[in-house]
Amino acid sequence: MVFSSVVIDSCVIFPMPLCDTLLRAAEAELYCVYFSQEILDGATRNLVNKNRMIELKAARFQEMIKTTFPEAMVEVPEERFFLFRT
């Protein structure tokens, strides 16, 4: 039974060991994971920019996350999105 809902940010997706651990825990239904397209784009952009992945692998990685957790994608209302950008 799932008790918590968690929005994971790009800073959590970027370090692969942490990402793997948290997504495996979500897959085991220890919590409900949520993310936005903006979060996934930021994480994969940084993975490419830091030479951790090539663009093709980053795109497949993003698709894998979205396929594995299709219910996790959330939309961030435009007015809320700009409140949290720095």
PDB file of N, CA and C in Angstrom:
ATOM      1  N   MET A   1       0.843  -1.180   0.000  1.00  0.00           N
ATOM      2  CA  MET A   1       0.000   0.000   0.000  1.00  0.00           C
ATOM      3  C   MET A   1       0.889   1.244   0.000  1.00  0.00           C
ATOM      4  N   VAL A   2       0.553   2.185  -0.843  1.00  0.00           N
ATOM      5  CA  VAL A   2       1.332   3.410  -0.966  1.00  0.00           C
ATOM      6  C   VAL A   2       0.787   4.453   0.003  1.00  0.00           C
ATOM      7  N   PHE A   3       1.695   5.101   0.730  1.00  0.00           N
ATOM      8  CA  PHE A   3       1.275   6.092   1.712  1.00  0.00           C
ATOM      9  C   PHE A   3       1.693   7.516   1.352  1.00  0.00           C
ATOM     10  N   SER A   4       2.755   7.676   0.588  1.00  0.00           N
ATOM     11  CA  SER A   4       3.288   9.005   0.308  1.00  0.00           C
ATOM     12  C   SER A   4       3.331   9.283  -1.186  1.00  0.00           C
ATOM     13  N   SER A   5       3.202  10.544  -1.522  1.00  0.00           N
ATOM     14  CA  SER A   5       3.380  11.004  -2.890  1.00  0.00           C
ATOM     15  C   SER A   5       4.578  11.943  -2.904  1.00  0.00           C
ATOM     16  N   VAL A   6       5.439  11.782  -3.912  1.00  0.00           N
ATOM     17  CA  VAL A   6       6.671  12.550  -3.969  1.00  0.00           C
ATOM     18  C   VAL A   6       6.878  13.085  -5.379  1.00  0.00           C
ATOM     19  N   VAL A   7       7.178  14.370  -5.475  1.00  0.00           N
ATOM     20  CA  VAL A   7       7.594  14.953  -6.741  1.00  0.00           C
ATOM     21  C   VAL A   7       9.113  14.926  -6.747  1.00  0.00           C
ATOM     22  N   ILE A   8       9.685  14.198  -7.711  1.00  0.00           N
ATOM     23  CA  ILE A   8      11.144  14.172  -7.789  1.00  0.00           C
ATOM     24  C   ILE A   8      11.597  15.261  -8.749  1.00  0.00           C
ATOM     25  N   ASP A   9      12.631  15.965  -8.376  1.00  0.00           N
ATOM     26  CA  ASP A   9      13.151  17.072  -9.170  1.00  0.00           C
ATOM     27  C   ASP A   9      14.340  16.594  -9.998  1.00  0.00           C
ATOM     28  N   SER A  10      14.777  17.433 -10.911  1.00  0.00           N
ATOM     29  CA  SER A  10      15.881  17.053 -11.795  1.00  0.00           C
ATOM     30  C   SER A  10      17.172  16.801 -11.020  1.00  0.00           C
ATOM     31  N   CYS A  11      17.365  17.460  -9.886  1.00  0.00           N
ATOM     32  CA  CYS A  11      18.577  17.238  -9.096  1.00  0.00           C
ATOM     33  C   CYS A  11      18.598  15.845  -8.465  1.00  0.00           C
ATOM     34  N   VAL A  12      17.456  15.186  -8.407  1.00  0.00           N
ATOM     35  CA  VAL A  12      17.369  13.818  -7.899  1.00  0.00           C
ATOM     36  C   VAL A  12      17.530  12.815  -9.040  1.00  0.00           C
ATOM     37  N   ILE A  13      17.109  13.200 -10.233  1.00  0.00           N
ATOM     38  CA  ILE A  13      17.237  12.317 -11.391  1.00  0.00           C
ATOM     39  C   ILE A  13      18.665  12.330 -11.927  1.00  0.00           C
ATOM     40  N   PHE A  14      19.375  13.426 -11.769  1.00  0.00           N
ATOM     41  CA  PHE A  14      20.720  13.567 -12.336  1.00  0.00           C
ATOM     42  C   PHE A  14      21.725  12.558 -11.781  1.00  0.00           C
ATOM     43  N   PRO A  15      21.887  12.409 -10.455  1.00  0.00           N
ATOM     44  CA  PRO A  15      22.848  11.402  -9.974  1.00  0.00           C
ATOM     45  C   PRO A  15      22.251   9.996 -10.156  1.00  0.00           C
ATOM     46  N   MET A  16      22.852   9.217 -11.024  1.00  0.00           N
ATOM     47  CA  MET A  16      22.285   7.917 -11.393  1.00  0.00           C
ATOM     48  C   MET A  16      22.051   6.969 -10.212  1.00  0.00           C
ATOM     49  N   PRO A  17      22.973   6.843  -9.258  1.00  0.00           N
ATOM     50  CA  PRO A  17      22.687   5.922  -8.141  1.00  0.00           C
ATOM     51  C   PRO A  17      21.448   6.332  -7.338  1.00  0.00           C
ATOM     52  N   LEU A  18      21.296   7.622  -7.098  1.00  0.00           N
ATOM     53  CA  LEU A  18      20.130   8.111  -6.365  1.00  0.00           C
ATOM     54  C   LEU A  18      18.866   7.924  -7.181  1.00  0.00           C
ATOM     55  N   CYS A  19      18.924   8.253  -8.460  1.00  0.00           N
ATOM     56  CA  CYS A  19      17.782   8.082  -9.355  1.00  0.00           C
ATOM     57  C   CYS A  19      17.342   6.621  -9.380  1.00  0.00           C
ATOM     58  N   ASP A  20      18.295   5.718  -9.542  1.00  0.00           N
ATOM     59  CA  ASP A  20      17.984   4.296  -9.595  1.00  0.00           C
ATOM     60  C   ASP A  20      17.312   3.835  -8.299  1.00  0.00           C
ATOM     61  N   THR A  21      17.857   4.245  -7.179  1.00  0.00           N
ATOM     62  CA  THR A  21      17.296   3.849  -5.884  1.00  0.00           C
ATOM     63  C   THR A  21      15.872   4.362  -5.709  1.00  0.00           C
ATOM     64  N   LEU A  22      15.649   5.636  -6.011  1.00  0.00           N
ATOM     65  CA  LEU A  22      14.326   6.227  -5.808  1.00  0.00           C
ATOM     66  C   LEU A  22      13.292   5.680  -6.783  1.00  0.00           C
ATOM     67  N   LEU A  23      13.692   5.447  -8.030  1.00  0.00           N
ATOM     68  CA  LEU A  23      12.734   4.896  -8.988  1.00  0.00           C
ATOM     69  C   LEU A  23      12.423   3.433  -8.700  1.00  0.00           C
ATOM     70  N   ARG A  24      13.402   2.695  -8.209  1.00  0.00           N
ATOM     71  CA  ARG A  24      13.124   1.303  -7.803  1.00  0.00           C
ATOM     72  C   ARG A  24      12.167   1.264  -6.610  1.00  0.00           C
ATOM     73  N   ALA A  25      12.346   2.188  -5.681  1.00  0.00           N
ATOM     74  CA  ALA A  25      11.434   2.260  -4.533  1.00  0.00           C
ATOM     75  C   ALA A  25      10.024   2.618  -4.989  1.00  0.00           C
ATOM     76  N   ALA A  26       9.911   3.520  -5.965  1.00  0.00           N
ATOM     77  CA  ALA A  26       8.594   3.875  -6.504  1.00  0.00           C
ATOM     78  C   ALA A  26       7.990   2.685  -7.241  1.00  0.00           C
ATOM     79  N   GLU A  27       8.818   1.954  -7.979  1.00  0.00           N
ATOM     80  CA  GLU A  27       8.337   0.781  -8.702  1.00  0.00           C
ATOM     81  C   GLU A  27       7.845  -0.303  -7.739  1.00  0.00           C
ATOM     82  N   ALA A  28       8.468  -0.374  -6.563  1.00  0.00           N
ATOM     83  CA  ALA A  28       8.053  -1.319  -5.528  1.00  0.00           C
ATOM     84  C   ALA A  28       6.853  -0.799  -4.738  1.00  0.00           C
ATOM     85  N   GLU A  29       6.321   0.355  -5.153  1.00  0.00           N
ATOM     86  CA  GLU A  29       5.150   0.987  -4.560  1.00  0.00           C
ATOM     87  C   GLU A  29       5.360   1.402  -3.102  1.00  0.00           C
ATOM     88  N   LEU A  30       6.589   1.824  -2.800  1.00  0.00           N
ATOM     89  CA  LEU A  30       6.857   2.370  -1.474  1.00  0.00           C
ATOM     90  C   LEU A  30       6.370   3.818  -1.375  1.00  0.00           C
ATOM     91  N   TYR A  31       6.220   4.452  -2.515  1.00  0.00           N
ATOM     92  CA  TYR A  31       5.635   5.784  -2.596  1.00  0.00           C
ATOM     93  C   TYR A  31       5.178   6.009  -4.028  1.00  0.00           C
ATOM     94  N   CYS A  32       4.359   7.031  -4.246  1.00  0.00           N
ATOM     95  CA  CYS A  32       3.932   7.420  -5.597  1.00  0.00           C
ATOM     96  C   CYS A  32       4.865   8.516  -6.087  1.00  0.00           C
ATOM     97  N   VAL A  33       5.436   8.306  -7.243  1.00  0.00           N
ATOM     98  CA  VAL A  33       6.372   9.269  -7.800  1.00  0.00           C
ATOM     99  C   VAL A  33       5.655  10.152  -8.823  1.00  0.00           C
ATOM    100  N   TYR A  34       6.029  11.428  -8.841  1.00  0.00           N
ATOM    101  CA  TYR A  34       5.500  12.384  -9.809  1.00  0.00           C
ATOM    102  C   TYR A  34       6.636  13.242 -10.322  1.00  0.00           C
ATOM    103  N   PHE A  35       6.509  13.694 -11.566  1.00  0.00           N
ATOM    104  CA  PHE A  35       7.471  14.591 -12.189  1.00  0.00           C
ATOM    105  C   PHE A  35       6.773  15.294 -13.339  1.00  0.00           C
ATOM    106  N   SER A  36       7.373  16.354 -13.812  1.00  0.00           N
ATOM    107  CA  SER A  36       6.826  17.083 -14.959  1.00  0.00           C
ATOM    108  C   SER A  36       7.776  16.925 -16.146  1.00  0.00           C
ATOM    109  N   GLN A  37       7.296  17.312 -17.306  1.00  0.00           N
ATOM    110  CA  GLN A  37       8.156  17.284 -18.488  1.00  0.00           C
ATOM    111  C   GLN A  37       9.335  18.222 -18.302  1.00  0.00           C
ATOM    112  N   GLU A  38       9.108  19.354 -17.653  1.00  0.00           N
ATOM    113  CA  GLU A  38      10.183  20.309 -17.402  1.00  0.00           C
ATOM    114  C   GLU A  38      11.274  19.687 -16.532  1.00  0.00           C
ATOM    115  N   ILE A  39      10.882  18.900 -15.543  1.00  0.00           N
ATOM    116  CA  ILE A  39      11.849  18.222 -14.675  1.00  0.00           C
ATOM    117  C   ILE A  39      12.661  17.215 -15.478  1.00  0.00           C
ATOM    118  N   LEU A  40      11.989  16.398 -16.275  1.00  0.00           N
ATOM    119  CA  LEU A  40      12.706  15.414 -17.094  1.00  0.00           C
ATOM    120  C   LEU A  40      13.628  16.094 -18.095  1.00  0.00           C
ATOM    121  N   ASP A  41      13.161  17.168 -18.711  1.00  0.00           N
ATOM    122  CA  ASP A  41      13.999  17.889 -19.671  1.00  0.00           C
ATOM    123  C   ASP A  41      15.244  18.462 -18.997  1.00  0.00           C
ATOM    124  N   GLY A  42      15.069  19.021 -17.809  1.00  0.00           N
ATOM    125  CA  GLY A  42      16.211  19.576 -17.083  1.00  0.00           C
ATOM    126  C   GLY A  42      17.228  18.516 -16.704  1.00  0.00           C
ATOM    127  N   ALA A  43      16.738  17.375 -16.253  1.00  0.00           N
ATOM    128  CA  ALA A  43      17.644  16.287 -15.858  1.00  0.00           C
ATOM    129  C   ALA A  43      18.404  15.756 -17.061  1.00  0.00           C
ATOM    130  N   THR A  44      17.702  15.474 -18.138  1.00  0.00           N
ATOM    131  CA  THR A  44      18.391  14.912 -19.304  1.00  0.00           C
ATOM    132  C   THR A  44      19.300  15.949 -19.963  1.00  0.00           C
ATOM    133  N   ARG A  45      18.919  17.207 -19.965  1.00  0.00           N
ATOM    134  CA  ARG A  45      19.786  18.259 -20.500  1.00  0.00           C
ATOM    135  C   ARG A  45      21.103  18.311 -19.723  1.00  0.00           C
ATOM    136  N   ASN A  46      21.010  18.237 -18.390  1.00  0.00           N
ATOM    137  CA  ASN A  46      22.224  18.265 -17.570  1.00  0.00           C
ATOM    138  C   ASN A  46      23.059  17.006 -17.743  1.00  0.00           C
ATOM    139  N   LEU A  47      22.413  15.867 -17.907  1.00  0.00           N
ATOM    140  CA  LEU A  47      23.166  14.631 -18.148  1.00  0.00           C
ATOM    141  C   LEU A  47      23.967  14.733 -19.439  1.00  0.00           C
ATOM    142  N   VAL A  48      23.383  15.330 -20.457  1.00  0.00           N
ATOM    143  CA  VAL A  48      24.092  15.520 -21.738  1.00  0.00           C
ATOM    144  C   VAL A  48      25.178  16.579 -21.588  1.00  0.00           C
ATOM    145  N   ASN A  49      24.843  17.719 -20.968  1.00  0.00           N
ATOM    146  CA  ASN A  49      25.816  18.807 -20.816  1.00  0.00           C
ATOM    147  C   ASN A  49      27.028  18.406 -19.991  1.00  0.00           C
ATOM    148  N   LYS A  50      26.843  17.514 -19.026  1.00  0.00           N
ATOM    149  CA  LYS A  50      27.949  17.058 -18.168  1.00  0.00           C
ATOM    150  C   LYS A  50      28.615  15.796 -18.725  1.00  0.00           C
ATOM    151  N   ASN A  51      28.266  15.456 -19.960  1.00  0.00           N
ATOM    152  CA  ASN A  51      28.842  14.291 -20.648  1.00  0.00           C
ATOM    153  C   ASN A  51      28.621  12.979 -19.908  1.00  0.00           C
ATOM    154  N   ARG A  52      27.483  12.871 -19.229  1.00  0.00           N
ATOM    155  CA  ARG A  52      27.120  11.612 -18.577  1.00  0.00           C
ATOM    156  C   ARG A  52      26.359  10.700 -19.528  1.00  0.00           C
ATOM    157  N   MET A  53      25.721  11.314 -20.549  1.00  0.00           N
ATOM    158  CA  MET A  53      24.964  10.573 -21.555  1.00  0.00           C
ATOM    159  C   MET A  53      25.040  11.330 -22.871  1.00  0.00           C
ATOM    160  N   ILE A  54      24.930  10.573 -23.952  1.00  0.00           N
ATOM    161  CA  ILE A  54      24.765  11.227 -25.243  1.00  0.00           C
ATOM    162  C   ILE A  54      23.277  11.525 -25.410  1.00  0.00           C
ATOM    163  N   GLU A  55      22.942  12.398 -26.338  1.00  0.00           N
ATOM    164  CA  GLU A  55      21.552  12.833 -26.503  1.00  0.00           C
ATOM    165  C   GLU A  55      20.598  11.676 -26.782  1.00  0.00           C
ATOM    166  N   LEU A  56      21.013  10.733 -27.613  1.00  0.00           N
ATOM    167  CA  LEU A  56      20.145   9.609 -27.941  1.00  0.00           C
ATOM    168  C   LEU A  56      19.833   8.771 -26.701  1.00  0.00           C
ATOM    169  N   LYS A  57      20.843   8.500 -25.892  1.00  0.00           N
ATOM    170  CA  LYS A  57      20.632   7.720 -24.670  1.00  0.00           C
ATOM    171  C   LYS A  57      19.768   8.500 -23.670  1.00  0.00           C
ATOM    172  N   ALA A  58      19.973   9.808 -23.587  1.00  0.00           N
ATOM    173  CA  ALA A  58      19.169  10.641 -22.680  1.00  0.00           C
ATOM    174  C   ALA A  58      17.706  10.631 -23.099  1.00  0.00           C
ATOM    175  N   ALA A  59      17.448  10.675 -24.400  1.00  0.00           N
ATOM    176  CA  ALA A  59      16.069  10.625 -24.890  1.00  0.00           C
ATOM    177  C   ALA A  59      15.439   9.273 -24.564  1.00  0.00           C
ATOM    178  N   ARG A  60      16.189   8.191 -24.737  1.00  0.00           N
ATOM    179  CA  ARG A  60      15.664   6.856 -24.394  1.00  0.00           C
ATOM    180  C   ARG A  60      15.435   6.731 -22.895  1.00  0.00           C
ATOM    181  N   PHE A  61      16.330   7.297 -22.100  1.00  0.00           N
ATOM    182  CA  PHE A  61      16.200   7.275 -20.643  1.00  0.00           C
ATOM    183  C   PHE A  61      14.912   7.986 -20.227  1.00  0.00           C
ATOM    184  N   GLN A  62      14.661   9.148 -20.825  1.00  0.00           N
ATOM    185  CA  GLN A  62      13.445   9.904 -20.508  1.00  0.00           C
ATOM    186  C   GLN A  62      12.199   9.115 -20.911  1.00  0.00           C
ATOM    187  N   GLU A  63      12.223   8.508 -22.075  1.00  0.00           N
ATOM    188  CA  GLU A  63      11.084   7.700 -22.526  1.00  0.00           C
ATOM    189  C   GLU A  63      10.863   6.493 -21.621  1.00  0.00           C
ATOM    190  N   MET A  64      11.941   5.881 -21.161  1.00  0.00           N
ATOM    191  CA  MET A  64      11.829   4.737 -20.261  1.00  0.00           C
ATOM    192  C   MET A  64      11.145   5.138 -18.953  1.00  0.00           C
ATOM    193  N   ILE A  65      11.529   6.277 -18.426  1.00  0.00           N
ATOM    194  CA  ILE A  65      10.908   6.754 -17.182  1.00  0.00           C
ATOM    195  C   ILE A  65       9.416   7.011 -17.405  1.00  0.00           C
ATOM    196  N   LYS A  66       9.080   7.668 -18.507  1.00  0.00           N
ATOM    197  CA  LYS A  66       7.672   7.977 -18.788  1.00  0.00           C
ATOM    198  C   LYS A  66       6.861   6.711 -19.064  1.00  0.00           C
ATOM    199  N   THR A  67       7.472   5.723 -19.688  1.00  0.00           N
ATOM    200  CA  THR A  67       6.778   4.459 -19.966  1.00  0.00           C
ATOM    201  C   THR A  67       6.580   3.648 -18.693  1.00  0.00           C
ATOM    202  N   THR A  68       7.592   3.630 -17.840  1.00  0.00           N
ATOM    203  CA  THR A  68       7.510   2.872 -16.594  1.00  0.00           C
ATOM    204  C   THR A  68       6.536   3.491 -15.609  1.00  0.00           C
ATOM    205  N   PHE A  69       6.459   4.815 -15.598  1.00  0.00           N
ATOM    206  CA  PHE A  69       5.584   5.536 -14.663  1.00  0.00           C
ATOM    207  C   PHE A  69       4.645   6.463 -15.428  1.00  0.00           C
ATOM    208  N   PRO A  70       3.739   5.916 -16.235  1.00  0.00           N
ATOM    209  CA  PRO A  70       2.877   6.784 -17.047  1.00  0.00           C
ATOM    210  C   PRO A  70       1.951   7.674 -16.219  1.00  0.00           C
ATOM    211  N   GLU A  71       1.588   7.235 -15.035  1.00  0.00           N
ATOM    212  CA  GLU A  71       0.690   8.017 -14.180  1.00  0.00           C
ATOM    213  C   GLU A  71       1.433   9.114 -13.419  1.00  0.00           C
ATOM    214  N   ALA A  72       2.753   9.154 -13.542  1.00  0.00           N
ATOM    215  CA  ALA A  72       3.567  10.086 -12.753  1.00  0.00           C
ATOM    216  C   ALA A  72       3.687  11.470 -13.376  1.00  0.00           C
ATOM    217  N   MET A  73       3.378  11.594 -14.646  1.00  0.00           N
ATOM    218  CA  MET A  73       3.542  12.882 -15.333  1.00  0.00           C
ATOM    219  C   MET A  73       2.485  13.870 -14.863  1.00  0.00           C
ATOM    220  N   VAL A  74       2.949  15.021 -14.390  1.00  0.00           N
ATOM    221  CA  VAL A  74       2.037  16.082 -13.967  1.00  0.00           C
ATOM    222  C   VAL A  74       2.323  17.326 -14.781  1.00  0.00           C
ATOM    223  N   GLU A  75       1.304  18.141 -14.939  1.00  0.00           N
ATOM    224  CA  GLU A  75       1.428  19.422 -15.623  1.00  0.00           C
ATOM    225  C   GLU A  75       1.612  20.505 -14.570  1.00  0.00           C
ATOM    226  N   VAL A  76       2.568  21.373 -14.802  1.00  0.00           N
ATOM    227  CA  VAL A  76       2.776  22.497 -13.902  1.00  0.00           C
ATOM    228  C   VAL A  76       2.079  23.703 -14.520  1.00  0.00           C
ATOM    229  N   PRO A  77       1.095  24.280 -13.821  1.00  0.00           N
ATOM    230  CA  PRO A  77       0.434  25.465 -14.367  1.00  0.00           C
ATOM    231  C   PRO A  77       1.461  26.568 -14.629  1.00  0.00           C
ATOM    232  N   GLU A  78       1.319  27.249 -15.729  1.00  0.00           N
ATOM    233  CA  GLU A  78       2.296  28.261 -16.154  1.00  0.00           C
ATOM    234  C   GLU A  78       2.582  29.278 -15.054  1.00  0.00           C
ATOM    235  N   GLU A  79       1.551  29.752 -14.359  1.00  0.00           N
ATOM    236  CA  GLU A  79       1.772  30.757 -13.316  1.00  0.00           C
ATOM    237  C   GLU A  79       2.565  30.193 -12.138  1.00  0.00           C
ATOM    238  N   ARG A  80       2.417  28.912 -11.858  1.00  0.00           N
ATOM    239  CA  ARG A  80       3.179  28.268 -10.774  1.00  0.00           C
ATOM    240  C   ARG A  80       4.613  27.999 -11.202  1.00  0.00           C
ATOM    241  N   PHE A  81       4.795  27.653 -12.450  1.00  0.00           N
ATOM    242  CA  PHE A  81       6.116  27.326 -12.958  1.00  0.00           C
ATOM    243  C   PHE A  81       7.066  28.498 -12.792  1.00  0.00           C
ATOM    244  N   PHE A  82       6.614  29.706 -13.083  1.00  0.00           N
ATOM    245  CA  PHE A  82       7.476  30.869 -12.995  1.00  0.00           C
ATOM    246  C   PHE A  82       7.746  31.288 -11.552  1.00  0.00           C
ATOM    247  N   LEU A  83       6.916  30.902 -10.626  1.00  0.00           N
ATOM    248  CA  LEU A  83       7.171  31.208  -9.215  1.00  0.00           C
ATOM    249  C   LEU A  83       8.392  30.491  -8.688  1.00  0.00           C
ATOM    250  N   PHE A  84       8.677  29.316  -9.221  1.00  0.00           N
ATOM    251  CA  PHE A  84       9.757  28.489  -8.700  1.00  0.00           C
ATOM    252  C   PHE A  84      11.034  28.548  -9.516  1.00  0.00           C
ATOM    253  N   ARG A  85      11.030  29.242 -10.616  1.00  0.00           N
ATOM    254  CA  ARG A  85      12.237  29.375 -11.435  1.00  0.00           C
ATOM    255  C   ARG A  85      13.126  30.449 -10.850  1.00  0.00           C
ATOM    256  N   THR A  86      14.421  30.176 -10.892  1.00  0.00           N
ATOM    257  CA  THR A  86      15.373  31.187 -10.410  1.00  0.00           C
ATOM    258  C   THR A  86      16.264  31.639 -11.531  1.00  0.00           C
TER     259      THR A  86
END
